[in-house]
């Protein structure tokens, strides 16, 4: 039995992770999840999952994830006390489903 000669190991060049891309996109500007998904080229649903993780990991650093809450387009109600990052389904005041997207940014 012949052994194959060992080939030289060449490491694959790694690109930034999706979360690093999101952090760099959000540095210095506010974007909605839809805009982030277009920039990073992932689905909007995936963006929310990554933002949850980024929010937790940034708590250990000097940076913070700033969330500008959703607002009802009909009556102007602002969803300040909402824990979820996703846009709510309808307004609790006027029951309108016309809700603006929340915006996200990262600051020091």
N, C-alpha and C. Protein backbone atom coordinates (compact mmCIF):
# COMPACT_ATOMS: atom_id res chain seq x y z
N UNK A 1 0.81 -1.18 0.00
CA UNK A 1 0.00 0.00 0.00
C UNK A 1 0.86 1.26 0.00
N UNK A 2 0.61 2.09 -0.92
CA UNK A 2 1.35 3.35 -1.01
C UNK A 2 0.61 4.44 -0.25
N UNK A 3 1.35 5.24 0.50
CA UNK A 3 0.75 6.39 1.18
C UNK A 3 0.81 7.59 0.26
N UNK A 4 -0.24 8.37 0.32
CA UNK A 4 -0.26 9.61 -0.47
C UNK A 4 0.65 10.63 0.17
N UNK A 5 1.38 11.38 -0.63
CA UNK A 5 2.21 12.43 -0.05
C UNK A 5 1.32 13.52 0.55
N UNK A 6 1.78 14.06 1.68
CA UNK A 6 1.01 15.12 2.34
C UNK A 6 1.08 16.39 1.52
N UNK A 7 -0.10 17.00 1.37
CA UNK A 7 -0.16 18.27 0.65
C UNK A 7 0.00 19.40 1.65
N UNK A 8 0.55 20.48 1.21
CA UNK A 8 0.72 21.64 2.08
C UNK A 8 -0.65 22.20 2.44
N UNK A 9 -0.83 22.49 3.73
CA UNK A 9 -2.10 23.04 4.20
C UNK A 9 -2.11 24.54 3.95
N UNK A 10 -3.08 24.98 3.19
CA UNK A 10 -3.24 26.41 2.90
C UNK A 10 -4.55 26.86 3.54
N UNK A 11 -4.45 27.74 4.55
CA UNK A 11 -5.69 28.18 5.21
C UNK A 11 -6.57 28.98 4.27
N UNK A 12 -7.86 28.80 4.44
CA UNK A 12 -8.84 29.53 3.63
C UNK A 12 -8.97 30.94 4.20
N UNK A 13 -8.96 31.92 3.33
CA UNK A 13 -9.10 33.30 3.77
C UNK A 13 -10.53 33.52 4.25
N UNK A 14 -10.66 33.96 5.50
CA UNK A 14 -11.99 34.16 6.09
C UNK A 14 -12.46 35.59 5.89
N UNK A 15 -13.73 35.70 5.63
CA UNK A 15 -14.35 37.02 5.55
C UNK A 15 -14.91 37.35 6.93
N UNK A 16 -15.34 38.59 7.10
CA UNK A 16 -16.00 38.97 8.34
C UNK A 16 -17.25 38.15 8.55
N UNK A 17 -17.59 37.92 9.81
CA UNK A 17 -18.83 37.21 10.10
C UNK A 17 -20.00 38.14 9.82
N UNK A 18 -21.18 37.57 9.76
CA UNK A 18 -22.39 38.36 9.50
C UNK A 18 -22.56 39.41 10.59
N UNK A 19 -22.33 39.01 11.84
CA UNK A 19 -22.51 39.96 12.95
C UNK A 19 -21.51 41.10 12.88
N UNK A 20 -20.28 40.81 12.48
CA UNK A 20 -19.30 41.89 12.32
C UNK A 20 -19.72 42.84 11.20
N UNK A 21 -20.29 42.29 10.14
CA UNK A 21 -20.77 43.14 9.04
C UNK A 21 -21.91 44.04 9.52
N UNK A 22 -22.83 43.47 10.30
CA UNK A 22 -23.96 44.26 10.81
C UNK A 22 -23.45 45.37 11.72
N UNK A 23 -22.51 45.05 12.59
CA UNK A 23 -21.95 46.06 13.49
C UNK A 23 -21.28 47.18 12.70
N UNK A 24 -20.52 46.82 11.68
CA UNK A 24 -19.85 47.86 10.89
C UNK A 24 -20.84 48.70 10.09
N UNK A 25 -21.93 48.09 9.64
CA UNK A 25 -22.96 48.83 8.90
C UNK A 25 -23.68 49.81 9.82
N UNK A 26 -23.91 49.40 11.08
CA UNK A 26 -24.65 50.24 12.02
C UNK A 26 -23.81 51.32 12.70
N UNK A 27 -22.51 51.23 12.57
CA UNK A 27 -21.64 52.23 13.22
C UNK A 27 -21.87 53.61 12.59
N UNK A 28 -22.41 54.51 13.39
CA UNK A 28 -22.58 55.88 12.94
C UNK A 28 -23.83 56.16 12.12
N UNK A 29 -24.72 55.19 11.95
CA UNK A 29 -25.96 55.46 11.21
C UNK A 29 -27.09 54.59 11.74
N UNK A 30 -28.31 55.06 11.59
CA UNK A 30 -29.50 54.32 12.02
C UNK A 30 -30.15 53.68 10.80
N UNK A 31 -30.41 52.39 10.91
CA UNK A 31 -31.04 51.65 9.81
C UNK A 31 -32.14 50.74 10.36
N UNK A 32 -33.12 50.46 9.51
CA UNK A 32 -34.15 49.48 9.87
C UNK A 32 -33.62 48.08 9.55
N UNK A 33 -34.29 47.07 10.03
CA UNK A 33 -33.88 45.68 9.77
C UNK A 33 -33.93 45.39 8.27
N UNK A 34 -34.88 45.99 7.58
CA UNK A 34 -34.99 45.79 6.13
C UNK A 34 -33.77 46.36 5.41
N UNK A 35 -33.32 47.54 5.85
CA UNK A 35 -32.14 48.16 5.24
C UNK A 35 -30.87 47.38 5.57
N UNK A 36 -30.79 46.86 6.80
CA UNK A 36 -29.64 46.05 7.20
C UNK A 36 -29.59 44.78 6.36
N UNK A 37 -30.74 44.15 6.16
CA UNK A 37 -30.78 42.91 5.37
C UNK A 37 -30.33 43.14 3.94
N UNK A 38 -30.65 44.30 3.38
CA UNK A 38 -30.21 44.61 2.03
C UNK A 38 -28.70 44.84 1.98
N UNK A 39 -28.15 45.50 2.99
CA UNK A 39 -26.72 45.78 3.04
C UNK A 39 -25.89 44.50 3.23
N UNK A 40 -26.35 43.63 4.14
CA UNK A 40 -25.57 42.45 4.51
C UNK A 40 -25.96 41.23 3.67
N UNK A 41 -27.05 41.34 2.95
CA UNK A 41 -27.56 40.28 2.08
C UNK A 41 -27.96 39.01 2.82
N UNK A 42 -28.78 39.22 3.87
CA UNK A 42 -29.42 38.11 4.58
C UNK A 42 -30.89 38.49 4.74
N UNK A 43 -31.71 37.54 5.16
CA UNK A 43 -33.13 37.83 5.30
C UNK A 43 -33.38 38.74 6.50
N UNK A 44 -34.49 39.43 6.45
CA UNK A 44 -34.87 40.34 7.54
C UNK A 44 -35.06 39.56 8.84
N UNK A 45 -35.59 38.36 8.74
CA UNK A 45 -35.80 37.51 9.92
C UNK A 45 -34.46 37.17 10.57
N UNK A 46 -33.45 36.88 9.77
CA UNK A 46 -32.12 36.58 10.31
C UNK A 46 -31.51 37.80 10.99
N UNK A 47 -31.79 38.98 10.47
CA UNK A 47 -31.24 40.22 11.04
C UNK A 47 -31.67 40.35 12.50
N UNK A 48 -32.95 40.10 12.77
CA UNK A 48 -33.45 40.23 14.14
C UNK A 48 -32.75 39.27 15.10
N UNK A 49 -32.49 38.06 14.65
CA UNK A 49 -31.76 37.09 15.47
C UNK A 49 -30.35 37.55 15.76
N UNK A 50 -29.68 38.07 14.76
CA UNK A 50 -28.32 38.57 14.95
C UNK A 50 -28.31 39.81 15.85
N UNK A 51 -29.31 40.67 15.70
CA UNK A 51 -29.37 41.88 16.54
C UNK A 51 -29.54 41.54 18.01
N UNK A 52 -30.33 40.49 18.30
CA UNK A 52 -30.50 40.03 19.69
C UNK A 52 -29.15 39.64 20.28
N UNK A 53 -28.37 38.89 19.52
CA UNK A 53 -27.06 38.45 19.99
C UNK A 53 -26.09 39.63 20.10
N UNK A 54 -26.12 40.52 19.14
CA UNK A 54 -25.25 41.70 19.16
C UNK A 54 -25.57 42.56 20.39
N UNK A 55 -26.85 42.70 20.70
CA UNK A 55 -27.28 43.49 21.86
C UNK A 55 -26.66 42.93 23.14
N UNK A 56 -26.69 41.61 23.29
CA UNK A 56 -26.13 40.97 24.48
C UNK A 56 -24.61 41.08 24.52
N UNK A 57 -23.96 40.88 23.40
CA UNK A 57 -22.49 40.90 23.38
C UNK A 57 -21.94 42.31 23.53
N UNK A 58 -22.66 43.33 23.08
CA UNK A 58 -22.19 44.71 23.21
C UNK A 58 -22.29 45.22 24.64
N UNK A 59 -23.13 44.57 25.46
CA UNK A 59 -23.25 44.99 26.86
C UNK A 59 -21.92 44.82 27.60
N UNK A 60 -21.05 43.95 27.11
CA UNK A 60 -19.75 43.70 27.74
C UNK A 60 -18.68 44.69 27.25
N UNK A 61 -19.01 45.49 26.28
CA UNK A 61 -18.03 46.44 25.72
C UNK A 61 -18.49 47.87 25.96
N UNK A 62 -17.73 48.79 25.43
CA UNK A 62 -18.07 50.22 25.58
C UNK A 62 -19.17 50.65 24.61
N UNK A 63 -19.46 49.83 23.62
CA UNK A 63 -20.48 50.17 22.61
C UNK A 63 -21.87 49.74 23.07
N UNK A 64 -22.89 50.37 22.53
CA UNK A 64 -24.28 50.04 22.85
C UNK A 64 -25.11 49.98 21.57
N UNK A 65 -26.07 49.06 21.55
CA UNK A 65 -27.04 49.00 20.47
C UNK A 65 -28.18 49.93 20.85
N UNK A 66 -28.37 50.97 20.08
CA UNK A 66 -29.44 51.95 20.32
C UNK A 66 -30.63 51.56 19.46
N UNK A 67 -31.81 51.49 20.08
CA UNK A 67 -33.03 51.12 19.37
C UNK A 67 -34.00 52.29 19.40
N UNK A 68 -34.31 52.82 18.22
CA UNK A 68 -35.36 53.83 18.10
C UNK A 68 -36.66 53.06 17.87
N UNK A 69 -37.60 53.11 18.83
CA UNK A 69 -38.77 52.23 18.78
C UNK A 69 -39.72 52.52 17.62
N UNK A 70 -40.55 51.52 17.34
CA UNK A 70 -41.58 51.66 16.31
C UNK A 70 -42.60 52.70 16.74
N UNK A 71 -43.28 53.26 15.74
CA UNK A 71 -44.30 54.27 16.00
C UNK A 71 -45.50 54.02 15.10
N UNK A 72 -46.70 54.20 15.66
CA UNK A 72 -47.93 54.04 14.88
C UNK A 72 -48.03 55.19 13.88
N UNK A 73 -48.24 54.87 12.63
CA UNK A 73 -48.35 55.90 11.60
C UNK A 73 -49.68 56.64 11.66
N UNK A 74 -50.68 56.04 12.31
CA UNK A 74 -52.00 56.65 12.35
C UNK A 74 -52.16 57.60 13.55
N UNK A 75 -51.84 57.13 14.77
CA UNK A 75 -52.07 57.96 15.97
C UNK A 75 -50.79 58.46 16.62
N UNK A 76 -49.64 57.95 16.20
CA UNK A 76 -48.37 58.43 16.73
C UNK A 76 -47.89 57.75 17.99
N UNK A 77 -48.57 56.68 18.43
CA UNK A 77 -48.16 55.95 19.63
C UNK A 77 -46.75 55.38 19.44
N UNK A 78 -45.88 55.58 20.44
CA UNK A 78 -44.50 55.08 20.37
C UNK A 78 -44.37 53.86 21.29
N UNK A 79 -43.84 52.78 20.76
CA UNK A 79 -43.69 51.52 21.49
C UNK A 79 -42.40 51.53 22.30
N UNK A 80 -42.33 52.35 23.35
CA UNK A 80 -41.11 52.54 24.14
C UNK A 80 -40.76 51.33 25.00
N UNK A 81 -41.74 50.70 25.60
CA UNK A 81 -41.47 49.63 26.57
C UNK A 81 -41.43 48.24 25.95
N UNK A 82 -41.25 48.16 24.67
CA UNK A 82 -41.25 46.87 23.98
C UNK A 82 -39.88 46.20 24.09
N UNK A 83 -39.87 44.93 24.53
CA UNK A 83 -38.63 44.16 24.66
C UNK A 83 -38.21 43.52 23.35
N UNK A 84 -39.17 43.16 22.52
CA UNK A 84 -38.87 42.51 21.25
C UNK A 84 -38.33 43.54 20.26
N UNK A 85 -37.42 43.10 19.41
CA UNK A 85 -36.84 44.00 18.42
C UNK A 85 -37.71 44.14 17.18
N UNK A 86 -38.54 43.15 16.92
CA UNK A 86 -39.39 43.18 15.72
C UNK A 86 -40.47 44.24 15.82
N UNK A 87 -40.95 44.64 14.67
CA UNK A 87 -42.05 45.60 14.57
C UNK A 87 -43.33 44.94 15.10
N UNK A 88 -44.10 45.65 15.94
CA UNK A 88 -45.36 45.08 16.43
C UNK A 88 -46.41 44.93 15.33
N UNK A 89 -47.39 44.08 15.56
CA UNK A 89 -48.42 43.81 14.57
C UNK A 89 -49.44 44.93 14.43
N UNK A 90 -49.90 45.46 15.58
CA UNK A 90 -50.88 46.54 15.52
C UNK A 90 -50.78 47.42 16.75
N UNK A 91 -51.32 48.60 16.63
CA UNK A 91 -51.27 49.60 17.70
C UNK A 91 -52.28 49.25 18.80
N UNK A 92 -51.88 49.33 20.08
CA UNK A 92 -52.83 49.03 21.16
C UNK A 92 -53.84 50.16 21.40
N UNK A 93 -53.61 51.32 20.84
CA UNK A 93 -54.51 52.46 21.03
C UNK A 93 -55.59 52.51 19.95
N UNK A 94 -55.17 52.57 18.69
CA UNK A 94 -56.13 52.74 17.58
C UNK A 94 -56.30 51.46 16.75
N UNK A 95 -55.56 50.41 17.08
CA UNK A 95 -55.63 49.10 16.40
C UNK A 95 -55.21 49.14 14.92
N UNK A 96 -54.53 50.20 14.54
CA UNK A 96 -54.03 50.30 13.17
C UNK A 96 -52.86 49.33 12.98
N UNK A 97 -52.74 48.78 11.79
CA UNK A 97 -51.64 47.89 11.48
C UNK A 97 -50.54 48.61 10.71
N UNK A 98 -50.69 49.93 10.55
CA UNK A 98 -49.69 50.76 9.88
C UNK A 98 -48.67 51.23 10.91
N UNK A 99 -47.64 50.41 11.11
CA UNK A 99 -46.63 50.67 12.12
C UNK A 99 -45.28 50.89 11.44
N UNK A 100 -44.57 51.92 11.87
CA UNK A 100 -43.24 52.19 11.33
C UNK A 100 -42.21 51.21 11.88
N UNK A 101 -41.17 50.96 11.12
CA UNK A 101 -40.11 50.05 11.54
C UNK A 101 -39.27 50.66 12.65
N UNK A 102 -38.76 49.82 13.56
CA UNK A 102 -37.77 50.34 14.52
C UNK A 102 -36.44 50.55 13.80
N UNK A 103 -35.62 51.47 14.30
CA UNK A 103 -34.30 51.73 13.71
C UNK A 103 -33.23 51.38 14.73
N UNK A 104 -32.10 50.92 14.23
CA UNK A 104 -31.01 50.45 15.08
C UNK A 104 -29.73 51.18 14.71
N UNK A 105 -28.91 51.47 15.73
CA UNK A 105 -27.59 52.04 15.51
C UNK A 105 -26.68 51.59 16.64
N UNK A 106 -25.38 51.79 16.46
CA UNK A 106 -24.41 51.43 17.48
C UNK A 106 -23.59 52.66 17.79
N UNK A 107 -23.50 52.98 19.10
CA UNK A 107 -22.72 54.13 19.55
C UNK A 107 -21.80 53.72 20.69
N UNK A 108 -20.88 54.59 21.01
CA UNK A 108 -19.99 54.37 22.15
C UNK A 108 -20.63 54.86 23.41
